Protein backbone atom coordinates (compact mmCIF):
# COMPACT_ATOMS: atom_id res chain seq x y z
CA MET A 1 13.30 5.40 6.65
CA ARG A 2 12.70 4.38 3.05
CA ASN A 3 15.50 6.67 1.83
CA VAL A 4 17.92 5.11 4.36
CA TRP A 5 17.03 1.62 3.13
CA PHE A 6 17.44 2.65 -0.50
CA ALA A 7 20.84 4.26 0.18
CA THR A 8 22.04 1.20 2.09
CA THR A 9 20.89 -1.19 -0.63
CA ALA A 10 22.49 0.89 -3.38
CA HIS A 11 25.75 0.94 -1.41
CA ARG A 12 25.73 -2.85 -1.04
CA VAL A 13 24.94 -3.39 -4.71
CA ALA A 14 27.84 -1.09 -5.62
CA ILE A 15 30.17 -3.16 -3.42
CA LEU A 16 28.99 -6.36 -5.11
CA GLY A 17 29.70 -4.79 -8.48
CA VAL A 18 33.23 -3.81 -7.43
CA LEU A 19 33.87 -7.33 -6.09
CA SER A 20 32.68 -8.82 -9.40
CA VAL A 21 35.16 -6.68 -11.33
CA PHE A 22 37.90 -7.58 -8.84
CA LEU A 23 37.19 -11.32 -9.25
CA VAL A 24 37.48 -11.06 -13.06
CA LEU A 25 40.72 -9.08 -12.79
CA PHE A 26 42.09 -11.58 -10.27
CA GLY A 27 41.39 -14.52 -12.58
CA THR A 28 42.79 -12.73 -15.63
CA SER A 29 45.97 -11.73 -13.80
CA GLY A 30 46.44 -15.27 -12.48
CA TYR A 31 46.36 -16.81 -15.94
CA VAL A 32 48.69 -14.15 -17.28
CA PHE A 33 51.36 -14.75 -14.61
CA ILE A 34 50.92 -18.52 -14.12
CA GLU A 35 50.23 -19.72 -17.67
CA HIS A 36 51.74 -16.73 -19.51
CA TYR A 37 48.54 -16.22 -21.51
CA THR A 38 47.86 -13.03 -23.43
CA PHE A 39 45.40 -10.66 -21.78
CA LEU A 40 42.56 -11.69 -24.13
CA ASP A 41 43.24 -15.41 -23.62
CA ALA A 42 43.43 -14.93 -19.85
CA LEU A 43 40.17 -12.99 -19.83
CA TYR A 44 38.55 -15.70 -21.97
CA MET A 45 39.69 -18.42 -19.54
CA THR A 46 38.44 -16.42 -16.57
CA VAL A 47 34.99 -15.88 -18.08
CA ILE A 48 34.45 -19.51 -19.12
CA THR A 49 35.72 -20.68 -15.72
CA LEU A 50 33.49 -18.39 -13.67
CA SER A 51 30.48 -19.06 -15.88
CA THR A 52 31.18 -22.85 -15.87
CA VAL A 53 30.18 -23.18 -19.53
CA GLY A 54 32.86 -25.83 -20.15
CA PHE A 55 34.38 -24.54 -23.39
CA THR A 56 37.77 -25.80 -24.57
CA GLU A 57 40.83 -24.36 -22.83
CA VAL A 58 43.16 -22.14 -24.81
CA ARG A 59 45.86 -24.75 -24.27
CA PRO A 60 46.47 -27.52 -21.72
CA LEU A 61 47.05 -26.16 -18.21
CA THR A 62 50.02 -26.89 -15.99
CA ASP A 63 49.53 -28.26 -12.50
CA HIS A 64 49.79 -24.74 -11.11
CA GLY A 65 47.23 -23.56 -13.64
CA ARG A 66 44.80 -26.32 -12.71
CA THR A 67 45.17 -25.52 -9.01
CA PHE A 68 44.53 -21.84 -9.71
CA THR A 69 41.48 -22.77 -11.82
CA MET A 70 40.00 -24.82 -8.99
CA VAL A 71 40.51 -21.94 -6.57
CA LEU A 72 38.93 -19.55 -9.07
CA ILE A 73 35.93 -21.85 -9.53
CA LEU A 74 35.38 -22.09 -5.76
CA MET A 75 35.64 -18.35 -5.37
CA GLY A 76 33.28 -17.72 -8.28
CA ALA A 77 30.72 -20.28 -7.11
CA SER A 78 30.77 -18.85 -3.58
CA PHE A 79 30.37 -15.32 -4.90
CA VAL A 80 27.46 -16.27 -7.17
CA ALA A 81 25.75 -18.15 -4.33
CA PHE A 82 26.12 -15.12 -2.07
CA ASN A 83 24.64 -12.84 -4.74
CA LEU A 84 21.68 -15.16 -5.28
CA ALA A 85 21.04 -15.37 -1.56
CA TYR A 86 21.26 -11.60 -1.10
CA PHE A 87 18.95 -10.64 -3.97
CA SER A 88 16.53 -13.44 -3.13
CA GLN A 89 16.29 -12.05 0.38
CA LEU A 90 15.55 -8.60 -1.02
CA LEU A 91 12.70 -10.00 -3.07
CA LEU A 92 11.36 -12.07 -0.18
CA ASP A 93 11.40 -9.05 2.09
CA GLY A 94 9.36 -7.23 -0.53
CA ASN A 95 11.42 -4.07 -0.26
CA LEU A 96 12.21 -3.85 -3.96
CA LEU A 97 8.62 -4.59 -4.93
CA VAL A 98 7.23 -2.08 -2.44
CA LEU A 99 9.67 0.58 -3.61
CA TYR A 100 8.75 -0.07 -7.24
CA ARG A 101 5.02 0.17 -6.48
CA ARG A 102 5.48 3.40 -4.53
CA ARG A 103 7.47 5.01 -7.31
CA LYS A 104 4.92 3.87 -9.90
CA LEU A 105 2.06 5.23 -7.78
CA LYS A 106 3.84 8.54 -7.24
CA LYS A 107 4.34 8.91 -10.98
CA GLN A 108 0.67 8.11 -11.53
CA LEU A 109 -0.46 10.66 -8.94
CA ASP A 110 1.82 13.34 -10.38
CA GLN A 111 0.01 13.02 -13.71
CA LEU A 112 -3.51 13.34 -12.28
CA THR A 113 -5.47 16.56 -12.78
CA ASN A 114 -9.11 17.48 -12.07
CA HIS A 115 -9.38 14.45 -9.82
CA TYR A 116 -11.19 13.93 -6.53
CA ILE A 117 -9.46 13.13 -3.24
CA VAL A 118 -11.54 10.85 -1.02
CA CYS A 119 -10.43 10.94 2.62
CA GLY A 120 -11.45 7.70 4.31
CA TYR A 121 -12.53 4.43 2.73
CA GLY A 122 -15.30 3.42 5.10
CA GLN A 123 -18.81 2.47 4.07
CA MET A 124 -19.60 5.94 2.75
CA GLY A 125 -16.19 6.42 1.15
CA GLN A 126 -16.49 3.13 -0.71
CA ILE A 127 -19.81 4.16 -2.23
CA VAL A 128 -18.41 7.55 -3.27
CA VAL A 129 -15.38 5.97 -4.92
CA GLN A 130 -17.48 3.33 -6.64
CA GLU A 131 -19.85 5.89 -8.16
CA LEU A 132 -17.11 8.27 -9.27
CA ARG A 133 -15.11 5.47 -10.90
CA HIS A 134 -18.29 4.19 -12.57
CA TYR A 135 -18.53 7.51 -14.44
CA GLY A 136 -14.83 7.68 -15.21
CA VAL A 137 -13.95 10.41 -12.70
CA PRO A 138 -10.32 10.05 -11.50
CA VAL A 139 -10.05 9.37 -7.77
CA VAL A 140 -7.30 9.19 -5.14
CA VAL A 141 -8.05 7.64 -1.74
CA LEU A 142 -6.30 8.61 1.50
CA GLU A 143 -6.47 5.86 4.12
CA ASN A 144 -4.23 4.76 6.99
CA ASP A 145 -5.91 1.50 8.04
CA GLU A 146 -3.69 -1.39 6.92
CA ALA A 147 -6.61 -3.82 6.64
CA VAL A 148 -8.56 -1.43 4.40
CA LEU A 149 -5.49 -0.60 2.30
CA GLY A 150 -5.29 -4.22 1.16
CA LYS A 151 -8.84 -4.06 -0.20
CA ILE A 152 -8.10 -0.80 -2.00
CA ALA A 153 -4.97 -2.24 -3.61
CA GLU A 154 -6.88 -5.33 -4.81
CA LYS A 155 -9.34 -3.10 -6.66
CA GLY A 156 -6.54 -1.12 -8.31
CA ILE A 157 -7.68 2.21 -6.87
CA PRO A 158 -4.98 4.92 -6.71
CA HIS A 159 -4.34 5.53 -3.02
CA LEU A 160 -1.90 6.74 -0.41
CA ALA A 161 -1.27 5.08 2.95
CA ALA A 162 -1.43 8.32 4.90
CA ASP A 163 -3.40 10.28 7.47
CA ALA A 164 -5.73 12.66 5.63
CA THR A 165 -5.46 15.21 8.44
CA GLU A 166 -1.80 15.79 7.60
CA GLU A 167 -1.00 18.55 5.14
CA GLU A 168 1.78 16.50 3.52
CA ALA A 169 -0.71 13.74 2.64
CA LEU A 170 -3.05 16.16 0.86
CA VAL A 171 -0.14 17.71 -1.04
CA ALA A 172 1.08 14.25 -2.09
CA ALA A 173 -2.44 13.45 -3.32
CA GLY A 174 -2.22 16.47 -5.64
CA ILE A 175 -4.67 18.80 -3.92
CA GLY A 176 -3.25 21.73 -5.89
CA ARG A 177 -4.42 20.08 -9.13
CA ALA A 178 -7.56 18.40 -7.76
CA LYS A 179 -11.09 19.40 -8.67
CA GLY A 180 -12.67 18.27 -5.42
CA LEU A 181 -12.18 16.65 -2.03
CA VAL A 182 -14.55 14.39 -0.09
CA ALA A 183 -14.05 14.15 3.68
CA THR A 184 -15.72 10.93 4.87
CA VAL A 185 -13.60 9.81 7.83
CA SER A 186 -15.49 8.51 10.87
CA ARG A 187 -14.74 11.38 13.27
CA ASP A 188 -16.33 14.78 12.73
CA THR A 189 -13.39 16.59 14.34
CA GLU A 190 -11.04 15.05 11.77
CA ASN A 191 -13.40 16.01 8.93
CA VAL A 192 -13.43 19.62 10.15
CA PHE A 193 -9.62 19.67 10.27
CA ILE A 194 -9.37 18.11 6.80
CA VAL A 195 -11.73 20.73 5.38
CA LEU A 196 -9.77 23.56 7.00
CA THR A 197 -6.46 22.27 5.67
CA ALA A 198 -7.81 21.56 2.18
CA ARG A 199 -9.37 25.00 1.87
CA ASP A 200 -6.11 26.61 2.96
CA LEU A 201 -4.11 24.62 0.37
CA ASN A 202 -6.55 25.20 -2.52
CA ARG A 203 -9.00 28.09 -2.34
CA ASP A 204 -10.90 26.98 -5.45
CA ILE A 205 -11.36 23.28 -4.73
CA LEU A 206 -14.85 21.81 -4.28
CA ILE A 207 -15.17 20.29 -0.80
CA PHE A 208 -17.81 17.77 0.24
CA ALA A 209 -17.94 16.59 3.85
CA ARG A 210 -19.78 14.12 6.03
CA ALA A 211 -21.38 15.17 9.32
CA SER A 212 -22.18 12.34 11.72
CA THR A 213 -23.54 14.35 14.66
CA PRO A 214 -26.06 17.22 14.81
CA GLY A 215 -24.51 20.66 14.64
CA THR A 216 -21.34 19.53 12.90
CA ASP A 217 -22.68 20.57 9.51
CA LYS A 218 -22.50 24.24 10.54
CA ARG A 219 -18.89 23.85 11.65
CA LEU A 220 -17.96 22.13 8.40
CA LEU A 221 -19.56 24.90 6.34
CA LYS A 222 -17.72 27.53 8.37
CA ALA A 223 -14.49 25.58 7.89
CA GLY A 224 -14.89 25.88 4.12
CA ALA A 225 -16.98 22.94 2.92
CA ASP A 226 -19.20 23.61 -0.09
CA HIS A 227 -21.64 20.80 0.63
CA VAL A 228 -22.26 18.82 3.83
CA VAL A 229 -24.13 15.53 4.03
CA ALA A 230 -25.57 14.12 7.27
CA PRO A 231 -26.14 10.42 6.51
CA PHE A 232 -28.38 9.68 9.49
CA ALA A 233 -30.60 12.73 8.92
CA LEU A 234 -30.86 11.94 5.22
CA GLY A 235 -31.63 8.32 6.02
CA GLY A 236 -34.50 9.31 8.32
CA ILE A 237 -35.95 11.72 5.76
CA ARG A 238 -35.59 9.07 3.07
CA LEU A 239 -37.50 6.51 5.12
CA ALA A 240 -40.28 9.00 5.76
CA HIS A 241 -40.56 9.80 2.04
CA ASN A 242 -40.60 6.08 1.23
CA ILE A 243 -43.64 5.80 3.47
CA LEU A 244 -45.41 8.91 2.18
CA ARG A 245 -44.57 8.79 -1.54
CA PRO A 246 -42.88 5.47 -2.43
CA THR A 247 -43.50 5.72 -6.20
CA VAL A 248 -41.72 9.07 -6.42
CA ILE A 249 -38.74 7.72 -4.49
CA ASP A 250 -38.57 4.61 -6.67
CA PHE A 251 -38.58 6.79 -9.79
CA LEU A 252 -35.79 9.02 -8.44
CA ASP A 253 -33.74 5.96 -7.48
CA LEU A 254 -33.94 4.61 -11.01
CA ALA A 255 -33.22 7.99 -12.57
CA LEU A 256 -30.20 8.68 -10.36
CA SER A 257 -28.70 5.19 -10.40
CA ALA A 258 -28.91 4.76 -14.20
CA GLU A 259 -28.96 1.01 -13.67
CA GLY A 260 -31.46 -1.24 -15.37
CA MET A 261 -33.23 1.73 -16.98
CA GLU A 262 -32.61 3.93 -20.00
CA LEU A 263 -33.90 7.02 -18.18
CA SER A 264 -31.45 9.11 -16.20
CA MET A 265 -31.17 12.47 -14.43
CA GLU A 266 -28.07 14.61 -14.76
CA GLU A 267 -26.80 18.15 -14.31
CA LEU A 268 -25.03 19.92 -17.16
CA CYS A 269 -23.26 23.27 -17.07
CA ILE A 270 -23.53 25.63 -20.05
CA PRO A 271 -19.98 26.79 -20.88
CA GLU A 272 -18.96 30.13 -22.34
CA GLY A 273 -19.59 30.32 -26.07
CA ALA A 274 -22.15 27.51 -26.15
CA GLN A 275 -24.63 27.71 -29.03
CA ILE A 276 -27.64 27.41 -26.74
CA ALA A 277 -26.53 30.37 -24.57
CA GLY A 278 -28.85 33.30 -25.19
CA LYS A 279 -31.64 31.11 -26.54
CA ASP A 280 -34.87 30.22 -24.75
CA LEU A 281 -35.68 26.63 -23.93
CA VAL A 282 -38.15 26.13 -26.77
CA HIS A 283 -35.57 27.21 -29.39
CA SER A 284 -32.56 25.55 -27.74
CA GLY A 285 -33.36 22.18 -29.30
CA ILE A 286 -32.92 20.35 -26.01
CA ARG A 287 -36.39 18.79 -26.22
CA SER A 288 -36.78 18.50 -29.96
CA ARG A 289 -33.26 17.24 -30.80
CA TYR A 290 -32.35 15.23 -27.70
CA ASN A 291 -35.74 14.36 -26.19
CA LEU A 292 -34.66 15.76 -22.81
CA ILE A 293 -36.77 17.53 -20.20
CA VAL A 294 -35.23 20.40 -18.22
CA VAL A 295 -36.83 20.29 -14.75
CA GLY A 296 -34.66 22.98 -13.17
CA ILE A 297 -32.07 25.67 -13.85
CA LYS A 298 -29.51 26.95 -11.38
CA ARG A 299 -28.17 30.37 -12.27
CA SER A 300 -24.56 31.36 -11.73
CA ASP A 301 -25.66 33.51 -8.75
CA GLY A 302 -27.23 30.49 -7.06
CA THR A 303 -30.85 31.26 -7.98
CA MET A 304 -32.91 28.11 -8.63
CA ILE A 305 -35.66 28.06 -11.27
CA TYR A 306 -37.96 25.05 -10.94
CA ASN A 307 -40.02 23.82 -13.87
CA PRO A 308 -38.77 26.60 -16.17
CA SER A 309 -41.12 27.90 -18.83
CA PRO A 310 -40.37 27.41 -22.56
CA LYS A 311 -39.52 31.13 -22.77
CA GLU A 312 -36.81 30.93 -20.11
CA VAL A 313 -33.56 32.23 -21.65
CA LEU A 314 -30.47 30.09 -21.06
CA GLN A 315 -27.25 31.79 -19.98
CA SER A 316 -23.58 30.81 -19.83
CA GLY A 317 -22.84 29.31 -16.43
CA ASP A 318 -26.38 27.93 -15.97
CA ILE A 319 -26.63 24.41 -14.60
CA LEU A 320 -29.41 22.45 -16.28
CA ILE A 321 -31.08 19.63 -14.35
CA SER A 322 -32.27 17.34 -17.13
CA ILE A 323 -34.13 14.03 -17.38
CA GLY A 324 -34.11 11.77 -20.39
CA PRO A 325 -32.60 8.67 -21.99
CA GLN A 326 -29.02 8.06 -20.91
CA VAL A 327 -27.81 7.88 -24.51
CA ASN A 328 -29.38 11.24 -25.32
CA LEU A 329 -27.89 12.86 -22.23
CA GLU A 330 -24.43 11.70 -23.24
CA LYS A 331 -24.93 12.92 -26.80
CA PHE A 332 -26.11 16.34 -25.59
CA ALA A 333 -23.22 16.61 -23.11
CA THR A 334 -20.68 15.63 -25.75
CA GLU A 335 -21.87 18.36 -28.09
CA LEU A 336 -22.16 20.88 -25.24
CA LEU A 337 -18.97 20.12 -23.29
CA GLY A 338 -16.93 17.99 -25.65
CA CYS A 339 -16.99 15.03 -23.24
CA PRO A 340 -19.48 12.69 -21.49
CA HIS A 341 -21.67 14.40 -18.89
CA SER A 342 -19.89 13.16 -15.77
CA ALA A 343 -16.29 13.30 -16.95
CA LEU A 344 -15.75 16.85 -15.71
CA GLY A 345 -17.62 16.51 -12.44
CA PRO A 346 -20.15 19.02 -11.16
CA CYS A 347 -20.07 22.68 -12.09
CA ARG A 348 -19.31 25.19 -9.40
CA SER A 349 -21.61 28.14 -9.12
């Protein structure tokens, strides 16, 4: 539909351009035959007449020349008024502006790499997008609710007005270049379909999904999701832990949110060739140089080591779960990865 409108508009603009040239040639020819002007003088008279600038005539006009000039002025004024009305209507309809925004967005999406595609901008999707953008992680939102799309546009979030269950929408969002996908639409059946389609389009992408009803988490994992979150189950567990151990929960909230506190908790992946690879914790300099505490290590085979001993040897591909001042974490990550800790997103084991 958009291509039809663009083709029609381009055709009309081309016609207006041809009519403009015809009007200039008509005026020039009239002055040549009626007043016997040279071509340059006739063109000059035509231009100053159509533009109504009021410059001096080449020479006094005859009665026939004055009549022709009045006709030319009326034709030119009518043509200009029609052009103004037509292009004003285009702007009022918003078609040109919408087309410009879509082309600009498409160009922006085509340049994105290692980004995350968030399917659905509900309550959970909004929180995900907010946190990812807070840490500078590029995000693209897929949403088809017109009311929600307005809010997304106001915040300047890259987005597509499309159904996330459609393969074309995921391709347009750059799933082939994306690092991860988050399926947070309201219906579990749609989340399962999104996960299946995403995994088929990109075998290596990280997929996170939301499960609203019991049992759906197993289906999502079978469909290809790497991690599944059940908000209601987590909420119940969280409330129970708030009752049983409120101080621990408050500490974790502060460490994970990194708001209003210098202390933070992050995960960092040891890349190939890192200087600390092959060293034990005590000689790695993580505690002595950066004042960070490693509370856990996840090996590349998925094995978790909790409260590792100082003699634990670090390996390439290990994911370190560290606690310490936010500034120190960023400094350590910059030296380890060459960028701030959250800029690359989580490591995949």
